């Protein structure tokens, strides 16, 4: 007989056998939970890889955008210099406006792309990861 404060329990051979069967049943019930936890761990690991890949894509995109901004800035400087010369001013002004429109279009597309990437990272982190994920936002020209 085993004594527990407030409870008296008599364990017999038959009772021990029933208790063993209950333990086995509990273990069987816990198998799907254990399997689900293992799957969740594997998915989080996979998502961490996806986030790393997305962060690398963002980094590469930012580098390309910085290079493109430098190129556009150089071209705009050349146009502004050419515009300071009176003879071809009207044609150069039209070209400058076209380039400025193109630059505005690139800026809008860039912002949309960055927002989409940030949203994907946010979705992945909010679904499956335990810890926070930060996405570095870049400002054009930095």
N, C-alpha and C. Protein backbone atom coordinates (compact mmCIF):
# COMPACT_ATOMS: atom_id res chain seq x y z
N UNK A 1 0.84 -1.17 0.00
CA UNK A 1 0.00 0.00 0.00
C UNK A 1 0.89 1.24 0.00
N UNK A 2 0.53 2.21 -0.85
CA UNK A 2 1.27 3.46 -0.93
C UNK A 2 0.41 4.57 -0.35
N UNK A 3 1.00 5.37 0.52
CA UNK A 3 0.22 6.44 1.16
C UNK A 3 0.57 7.79 0.55
N UNK A 4 -0.46 8.53 0.21
CA UNK A 4 -0.33 9.90 -0.27
C UNK A 4 -1.22 10.73 0.64
N UNK A 5 -0.76 11.88 1.11
CA UNK A 5 -1.59 12.65 2.04
C UNK A 5 -3.00 12.86 1.50
N UNK A 6 -3.98 12.42 2.25
CA UNK A 6 -5.37 12.60 1.86
C UNK A 6 -5.91 11.51 0.95
N UNK A 7 -5.02 10.66 0.43
CA UNK A 7 -5.47 9.61 -0.50
C UNK A 7 -4.84 8.29 -0.08
N UNK A 8 -5.67 7.28 -0.04
CA UNK A 8 -5.17 5.94 0.24
C UNK A 8 -5.35 5.13 -1.04
N UNK A 9 -4.26 4.53 -1.50
CA UNK A 9 -4.29 3.81 -2.76
C UNK A 9 -3.72 2.42 -2.54
N UNK A 10 -4.44 1.44 -2.96
CA UNK A 10 -3.96 0.08 -2.86
C UNK A 10 -3.64 -0.39 -4.28
N UNK A 11 -2.40 -0.78 -4.50
CA UNK A 11 -1.99 -1.24 -5.82
C UNK A 11 -1.90 -2.76 -5.79
N UNK A 12 -2.68 -3.35 -6.67
CA UNK A 12 -2.66 -4.81 -6.79
C UNK A 12 -1.97 -5.17 -8.09
N UNK A 13 -1.76 -6.47 -8.28
CA UNK A 13 -1.14 -6.93 -9.52
C UNK A 13 -2.03 -6.56 -10.71
N UNK A 14 -3.34 -6.73 -10.55
CA UNK A 14 -4.29 -6.38 -11.61
C UNK A 14 -4.29 -4.86 -11.85
N UNK A 15 -4.24 -4.10 -10.77
CA UNK A 15 -4.22 -2.63 -10.88
C UNK A 15 -2.96 -2.14 -11.58
N UNK A 16 -1.83 -2.76 -11.28
CA UNK A 16 -0.57 -2.38 -11.92
C UNK A 16 -0.63 -2.67 -13.42
N UNK A 17 -1.25 -3.79 -13.78
CA UNK A 17 -1.38 -4.15 -15.19
C UNK A 17 -2.25 -3.12 -15.91
N UNK A 18 -3.37 -2.73 -15.28
CA UNK A 18 -4.24 -1.70 -15.87
C UNK A 18 -3.52 -0.36 -15.99
N UNK A 19 -2.74 -0.05 -14.98
CA UNK A 19 -1.98 1.20 -15.01
C UNK A 19 -0.97 1.19 -16.16
N UNK A 20 -0.33 0.06 -16.38
CA UNK A 20 0.63 -0.07 -17.48
C UNK A 20 -0.08 0.13 -18.82
N UNK A 21 -1.28 -0.43 -18.96
CA UNK A 21 -2.04 -0.27 -20.20
C UNK A 21 -2.43 1.20 -20.42
N UNK A 22 -2.74 1.89 -19.34
CA UNK A 22 -3.07 3.31 -19.45
C UNK A 22 -1.84 4.13 -19.88
N UNK A 23 -0.68 3.78 -19.34
CA UNK A 23 0.56 4.47 -19.73
C UNK A 23 0.83 4.25 -21.21
N UNK A 24 0.64 3.03 -21.69
CA UNK A 24 0.85 2.72 -23.11
C UNK A 24 -0.14 3.51 -23.96
N UNK A 25 -1.39 3.60 -23.52
CA UNK A 25 -2.40 4.37 -24.27
C UNK A 25 -2.02 5.85 -24.34
N UNK A 26 -1.52 6.38 -23.23
CA UNK A 26 -1.09 7.79 -23.22
C UNK A 26 0.08 7.99 -24.18
N UNK A 27 1.02 7.05 -24.18
CA UNK A 27 2.15 7.15 -25.11
C UNK A 27 1.67 7.14 -26.55
N UNK A 28 0.69 6.30 -26.85
CA UNK A 28 0.14 6.24 -28.22
C UNK A 28 -0.54 7.56 -28.58
N UNK A 29 -1.26 8.15 -27.62
CA UNK A 29 -1.92 9.43 -27.87
C UNK A 29 -0.90 10.54 -28.11
N UNK A 30 0.24 10.43 -27.48
CA UNK A 30 1.27 11.48 -27.59
C UNK A 30 2.09 11.38 -28.87
N UNK A 31 2.05 10.23 -29.56
CA UNK A 31 2.82 10.08 -30.80
C UNK A 31 2.47 11.13 -31.85
N UNK A 32 1.18 11.40 -32.13
CA UNK A 32 0.86 12.44 -33.12
C UNK A 32 1.34 13.82 -32.69
N UNK A 33 1.28 14.09 -31.39
CA UNK A 33 1.76 15.39 -30.89
C UNK A 33 3.26 15.50 -31.11
N UNK A 34 3.98 14.43 -30.77
CA UNK A 34 5.43 14.42 -30.96
C UNK A 34 5.77 14.59 -32.44
N UNK A 35 5.05 13.87 -33.29
CA UNK A 35 5.27 13.97 -34.73
C UNK A 35 4.99 15.38 -35.24
N UNK A 36 3.89 15.98 -34.76
CA UNK A 36 3.55 17.35 -35.18
C UNK A 36 4.63 18.34 -34.74
N UNK A 37 5.16 18.16 -33.54
CA UNK A 37 6.23 19.04 -33.06
C UNK A 37 7.50 18.88 -33.90
N UNK A 38 7.81 17.64 -34.26
CA UNK A 38 8.97 17.41 -35.12
C UNK A 38 8.78 18.05 -36.49
N UNK A 39 7.57 17.94 -37.04
CA UNK A 39 7.27 18.57 -38.33
C UNK A 39 7.36 20.09 -38.23
N UNK A 40 6.85 20.65 -37.14
CA UNK A 40 6.92 22.10 -36.94
C UNK A 40 8.37 22.56 -36.85
N UNK A 41 9.18 21.80 -36.14
CA UNK A 41 10.60 22.14 -36.02
C UNK A 41 11.26 22.11 -37.40
N UNK A 42 10.96 21.09 -38.18
CA UNK A 42 11.53 20.99 -39.53
C UNK A 42 11.06 22.15 -40.40
N UNK A 43 9.77 22.51 -40.30
CA UNK A 43 9.23 23.62 -41.10
C UNK A 43 9.88 24.94 -40.71
N UNK A 44 10.06 25.15 -39.41
CA UNK A 44 10.71 26.39 -38.96
C UNK A 44 12.14 26.47 -39.49
N UNK A 45 12.82 25.34 -39.48
CA UNK A 45 14.18 25.30 -40.01
C UNK A 45 14.16 25.63 -41.50
N UNK A 46 13.21 25.07 -42.23
CA UNK A 46 13.07 25.35 -43.66
C UNK A 46 12.76 26.83 -43.88
N UNK A 47 11.85 27.38 -43.08
CA UNK A 47 11.48 28.79 -43.22
C UNK A 47 12.65 29.71 -42.89
N UNK A 48 13.48 29.31 -41.95
CA UNK A 48 14.66 30.11 -41.64
C UNK A 48 15.56 30.19 -42.87
N UNK A 49 15.66 29.07 -43.60
CA UNK A 49 16.43 29.07 -44.85
C UNK A 49 15.80 29.98 -45.88
N UNK A 50 14.46 29.96 -45.96
CA UNK A 50 13.76 30.85 -46.90
C UNK A 50 14.00 32.31 -46.55
N UNK A 51 13.97 32.61 -45.27
CA UNK A 51 14.18 34.00 -44.84
C UNK A 51 15.60 34.43 -45.17
N UNK A 52 16.56 33.55 -44.96
CA UNK A 52 17.94 33.88 -45.32
C UNK A 52 18.04 34.14 -46.81
N UNK A 53 17.38 33.30 -47.59
CA UNK A 53 17.40 33.48 -49.05
C UNK A 53 16.74 34.81 -49.43
N UNK A 54 15.59 35.11 -48.83
CA UNK A 54 14.92 36.38 -49.11
C UNK A 54 15.78 37.58 -48.70
N UNK A 55 16.43 37.47 -47.55
CA UNK A 55 17.32 38.56 -47.12
C UNK A 55 18.47 38.76 -48.10
N UNK A 56 18.99 37.65 -48.65
CA UNK A 56 20.05 37.77 -49.65
C UNK A 56 19.53 38.42 -50.93
N UNK A 57 18.29 38.07 -51.31
CA UNK A 57 17.68 38.69 -52.49
C UNK A 57 17.51 40.18 -52.26
N UNK A 58 17.04 40.55 -51.07
CA UNK A 58 16.88 41.98 -50.74
C UNK A 58 18.23 42.69 -50.79
N UNK A 59 19.26 42.05 -50.25
CA UNK A 59 20.60 42.65 -50.25
C UNK A 59 21.09 42.85 -51.68
N UNK A 60 20.94 41.82 -52.52
CA UNK A 60 21.36 41.93 -53.92
C UNK A 60 20.57 43.00 -54.66
N UNK A 61 19.26 43.03 -54.40
CA UNK A 61 18.40 44.03 -55.04
C UNK A 61 18.83 45.43 -54.63
N UNK A 62 19.10 45.62 -53.35
CA UNK A 62 19.54 46.93 -52.88
C UNK A 62 20.86 47.35 -53.53
N UNK A 63 21.78 46.39 -53.69
CA UNK A 63 23.06 46.70 -54.33
C UNK A 63 22.84 47.11 -55.79
N UNK A 64 21.97 46.38 -56.49
CA UNK A 64 21.68 46.71 -57.89
C UNK A 64 20.99 48.07 -57.99
N UNK A 65 20.09 48.35 -57.05
CA UNK A 65 19.40 49.64 -57.06
C UNK A 65 20.37 50.79 -56.80
N UNK A 66 21.30 50.57 -55.90
CA UNK A 66 22.30 51.60 -55.61
C UNK A 66 23.14 51.88 -56.85
N UNK A 67 23.54 50.82 -57.54
CA UNK A 67 24.32 50.99 -58.77
C UNK A 67 23.50 51.70 -59.83
N UNK A 68 22.23 51.33 -59.95
CA UNK A 68 21.36 51.97 -60.93
C UNK A 68 21.17 53.46 -60.60
N UNK A 69 21.02 53.76 -59.31
CA UNK A 69 20.86 55.16 -58.91
C UNK A 69 22.12 55.97 -59.25
N UNK A 70 23.28 55.37 -59.05
CA UNK A 70 24.53 56.06 -59.40
C UNK A 70 24.59 56.33 -60.90
N UNK A 71 24.22 55.31 -61.69
CA UNK A 71 24.23 55.47 -63.14
C UNK A 71 23.26 56.56 -63.57
N UNK A 72 22.05 56.52 -63.03
CA UNK A 72 21.07 57.55 -63.39
C UNK A 72 21.52 58.93 -62.94
N UNK A 73 22.11 59.01 -61.76
CA UNK A 73 22.61 60.30 -61.27
C UNK A 73 23.69 60.84 -62.19
N UNK A 74 24.58 59.94 -62.63
CA UNK A 74 25.65 60.35 -63.54
C UNK A 74 25.06 60.85 -64.86
N UNK A 75 24.08 60.11 -65.38
CA UNK A 75 23.45 60.54 -66.64
C UNK A 75 22.72 61.87 -66.47
N UNK A 76 22.02 62.02 -65.36
CA UNK A 76 21.31 63.28 -65.12
C UNK A 76 22.29 64.45 -65.00
N UNK A 77 23.42 64.21 -64.36
CA UNK A 77 24.43 65.26 -64.25
C UNK A 77 24.93 65.65 -65.63
N UNK A 78 25.17 64.63 -66.48
CA UNK A 78 25.60 64.92 -67.85
C UNK A 78 24.56 65.71 -68.62
N UNK A 79 23.31 65.36 -68.42
CA UNK A 79 22.23 66.08 -69.12
C UNK A 79 22.13 67.51 -68.60
N UNK A 80 22.23 67.66 -67.29
CA UNK A 80 22.17 69.01 -66.72
C UNK A 80 23.32 69.88 -67.24
N UNK A 81 24.48 69.26 -67.38
CA UNK A 81 25.62 69.99 -67.93
C UNK A 81 25.34 70.38 -69.38
N UNK A 82 24.80 69.43 -70.14
CA UNK A 82 24.47 69.71 -71.54
C UNK A 82 23.39 70.78 -71.64
N UNK A 83 22.47 70.77 -70.68
CA UNK A 83 21.39 71.76 -70.71
C UNK A 83 21.90 73.18 -70.45
N UNK A 84 23.03 73.27 -69.80
CA UNK A 84 23.57 74.60 -69.53
C UNK A 84 24.08 75.26 -70.81
N UNK A 85 24.20 74.46 -71.87
CA UNK A 85 24.60 74.99 -73.18
C UNK A 85 23.34 75.32 -73.96
N UNK A 86 23.13 76.55 -74.39
CA UNK A 86 21.88 77.00 -75.00
C UNK A 86 21.42 76.30 -76.27
N UNK A 87 22.24 75.93 -77.27
CA UNK A 87 21.72 75.49 -78.56
C UNK A 87 20.73 74.31 -78.50
N UNK A 88 21.02 73.29 -77.76
CA UNK A 88 20.16 72.10 -77.79
C UNK A 88 19.28 72.02 -76.54
N UNK A 89 19.02 73.12 -75.93
CA UNK A 89 18.34 73.13 -74.64
C UNK A 89 16.95 72.48 -74.70
N UNK A 90 16.15 72.76 -75.70
CA UNK A 90 14.79 72.21 -75.77
C UNK A 90 14.82 70.68 -75.88
N UNK A 91 15.68 70.17 -76.75
CA UNK A 91 15.77 68.71 -76.92
C UNK A 91 16.29 68.06 -75.64
N UNK A 92 17.31 68.66 -75.05
CA UNK A 92 17.88 68.11 -73.82
C UNK A 92 16.87 68.17 -72.67
N UNK A 93 16.09 69.23 -72.62
CA UNK A 93 15.07 69.35 -71.57
C UNK A 93 14.05 68.21 -71.69
N UNK A 94 13.65 67.90 -72.92
CA UNK A 94 12.71 66.80 -73.15
C UNK A 94 13.34 65.48 -72.71
N UNK A 95 14.61 65.28 -73.04
CA UNK A 95 15.32 64.07 -72.66
C UNK A 95 15.44 63.98 -71.14
N UNK A 96 15.74 65.10 -70.50
CA UNK A 96 15.86 65.14 -69.04
C UNK A 96 14.52 64.78 -68.39
N UNK A 97 13.44 65.33 -68.90
CA UNK A 97 12.12 65.02 -68.35
C UNK A 97 11.79 63.53 -68.53
N UNK A 98 12.16 62.97 -69.67
CA UNK A 98 11.93 61.54 -69.91
C UNK A 98 12.72 60.70 -68.91
N UNK A 99 13.96 61.09 -68.67
CA UNK A 99 14.78 60.36 -67.69
C UNK A 99 14.23 60.50 -66.28
N UNK A 100 13.76 61.69 -65.94
CA UNK A 100 13.18 61.89 -64.61
C UNK A 100 11.92 61.04 -64.45
N UNK A 101 11.11 60.95 -65.50
CA UNK A 101 9.92 60.10 -65.46
C UNK A 101 10.31 58.63 -65.29
N UNK A 102 11.37 58.23 -66.01
CA UNK A 102 11.86 56.85 -65.91
C UNK A 102 12.35 56.58 -64.49
N UNK A 103 13.07 57.54 -63.91
CA UNK A 103 13.57 57.40 -62.55
C UNK A 103 12.41 57.28 -61.57
N UNK A 104 11.38 58.09 -61.73
CA UNK A 104 10.19 58.00 -60.87
C UNK A 104 9.56 56.62 -60.98
N UNK A 105 9.48 56.11 -62.21
CA UNK A 105 8.91 54.78 -62.44
C UNK A 105 9.74 53.70 -61.75
N UNK A 106 11.07 53.81 -61.86
CA UNK A 106 11.96 52.85 -61.22
C UNK A 106 11.80 52.93 -59.70
N UNK A 107 11.69 54.14 -59.16
CA UNK A 107 11.50 54.31 -57.71
C UNK A 107 10.21 53.63 -57.25
N UNK A 108 9.13 53.80 -58.01
CA UNK A 108 7.85 53.20 -57.64
C UNK A 108 7.93 51.68 -57.70
N UNK A 109 8.55 51.15 -58.77
CA UNK A 109 8.69 49.70 -58.90
C UNK A 109 9.56 49.14 -57.78
N UNK A 110 10.61 49.87 -57.45
CA UNK A 110 11.51 49.44 -56.38
C UNK A 110 10.77 49.39 -55.06
N UNK A 111 10.02 50.43 -54.76
CA UNK A 111 9.26 50.47 -53.51
C UNK A 111 8.27 49.31 -53.46
N UNK A 112 7.61 49.03 -54.57
CA UNK A 112 6.65 47.92 -54.61
C UNK A 112 7.35 46.59 -54.40
N UNK A 113 8.50 46.40 -55.04
CA UNK A 113 9.26 45.16 -54.90
C UNK A 113 9.73 44.97 -53.46
N UNK A 114 10.25 46.03 -52.87
CA UNK A 114 10.74 45.94 -51.49
C UNK A 114 9.57 45.65 -50.55
N UNK A 115 8.44 46.28 -50.75
CA UNK A 115 7.27 46.01 -49.91
C UNK A 115 6.83 44.56 -50.05
N UNK A 116 6.85 44.04 -51.26
CA UNK A 116 6.46 42.64 -51.48
C UNK A 116 7.42 41.69 -50.76
N UNK A 117 8.72 41.96 -50.86
CA UNK A 117 9.70 41.12 -50.18
C UNK A 117 9.53 41.20 -48.67
N UNK A 118 9.32 42.41 -48.15
CA UNK A 118 9.11 42.58 -46.71
C UNK A 118 7.86 41.84 -46.27
N UNK A 119 6.82 41.88 -47.07
CA UNK A 119 5.57 41.19 -46.74
C UNK A 119 5.80 39.68 -46.70
N UNK A 120 6.57 39.15 -47.68
CA UNK A 120 6.86 37.72 -47.69
C UNK A 120 7.63 37.31 -46.44
N UNK A 121 8.64 38.10 -46.09
CA UNK A 121 9.42 37.81 -44.88
C UNK A 121 8.52 37.88 -43.66
N UNK A 122 7.68 38.89 -43.60
CA UNK A 122 6.75 39.05 -42.48
C UNK A 122 5.79 37.87 -42.39
N UNK A 123 5.25 37.45 -43.53
CA UNK A 123 4.32 36.32 -43.54
C UNK A 123 4.99 35.04 -43.06
N UNK A 124 6.20 34.80 -43.53
CA UNK A 124 6.91 33.59 -43.10
C UNK A 124 7.17 33.65 -41.61
N UNK A 125 7.66 34.79 -41.12
CA UNK A 125 8.01 34.88 -39.71
C UNK A 125 6.77 34.82 -38.84
N UNK A 126 5.66 35.39 -39.27
CA UNK A 126 4.47 35.38 -38.43
C UNK A 126 3.80 34.01 -38.42
N UNK A 127 3.98 33.21 -39.45
CA UNK A 127 3.35 31.88 -39.51
C UNK A 127 4.11 30.85 -38.69
N UNK A 128 5.41 30.80 -38.85
CA UNK A 128 6.12 29.62 -38.39
C UNK A 128 7.28 29.85 -37.44
N UNK A 129 7.81 31.01 -37.34
CA UNK A 129 8.98 31.20 -36.51
C UNK A 129 8.59 31.69 -35.13
N UNK A 130 9.41 31.30 -34.16
CA UNK A 130 9.13 31.69 -32.79
C UNK A 130 9.65 33.08 -32.51
N UNK A 131 10.83 33.41 -33.00
CA UNK A 131 11.45 34.69 -32.70
C UNK A 131 11.13 35.74 -33.73
N UNK A 132 11.42 36.99 -33.40
CA UNK A 132 11.14 38.08 -34.35
C UNK A 132 12.13 38.08 -35.50
N UNK A 133 11.69 38.58 -36.61
CA UNK A 133 12.53 38.72 -37.80
C UNK A 133 12.53 40.18 -38.18
N UNK A 134 13.70 40.73 -38.41
CA UNK A 134 13.73 42.14 -38.80
C UNK A 134 14.19 42.25 -40.24
N UNK A 135 13.62 43.20 -40.92
CA UNK A 135 13.98 43.47 -42.31
C UNK A 135 14.53 44.88 -42.36
N UNK A 136 15.76 45.01 -42.85
CA UNK A 136 16.37 46.33 -42.92
C UNK A 136 15.80 47.06 -44.11
N UNK A 137 15.18 48.20 -43.84
CA UNK A 137 14.65 49.02 -44.92
C UNK A 137 15.76 49.95 -45.38
N UNK A 138 15.94 50.05 -46.67
CA UNK A 138 16.97 50.94 -47.18
C UNK A 138 16.32 52.16 -47.78
N UNK A 139 17.06 53.23 -47.75
CA UNK A 139 16.59 54.47 -48.35
C UNK A 139 17.41 54.69 -49.61
N UNK A 140 16.75 55.07 -50.70
CA UNK A 140 17.52 55.30 -51.93
C UNK A 140 18.69 56.24 -51.69
N UNK A 141 19.84 55.83 -52.21
CA UNK A 141 21.03 56.66 -52.10
C UNK A 141 21.89 56.30 -50.91
N UNK A 142 21.42 55.37 -50.03
CA UNK A 142 22.22 54.99 -48.86
C UNK A 142 22.82 53.63 -49.07
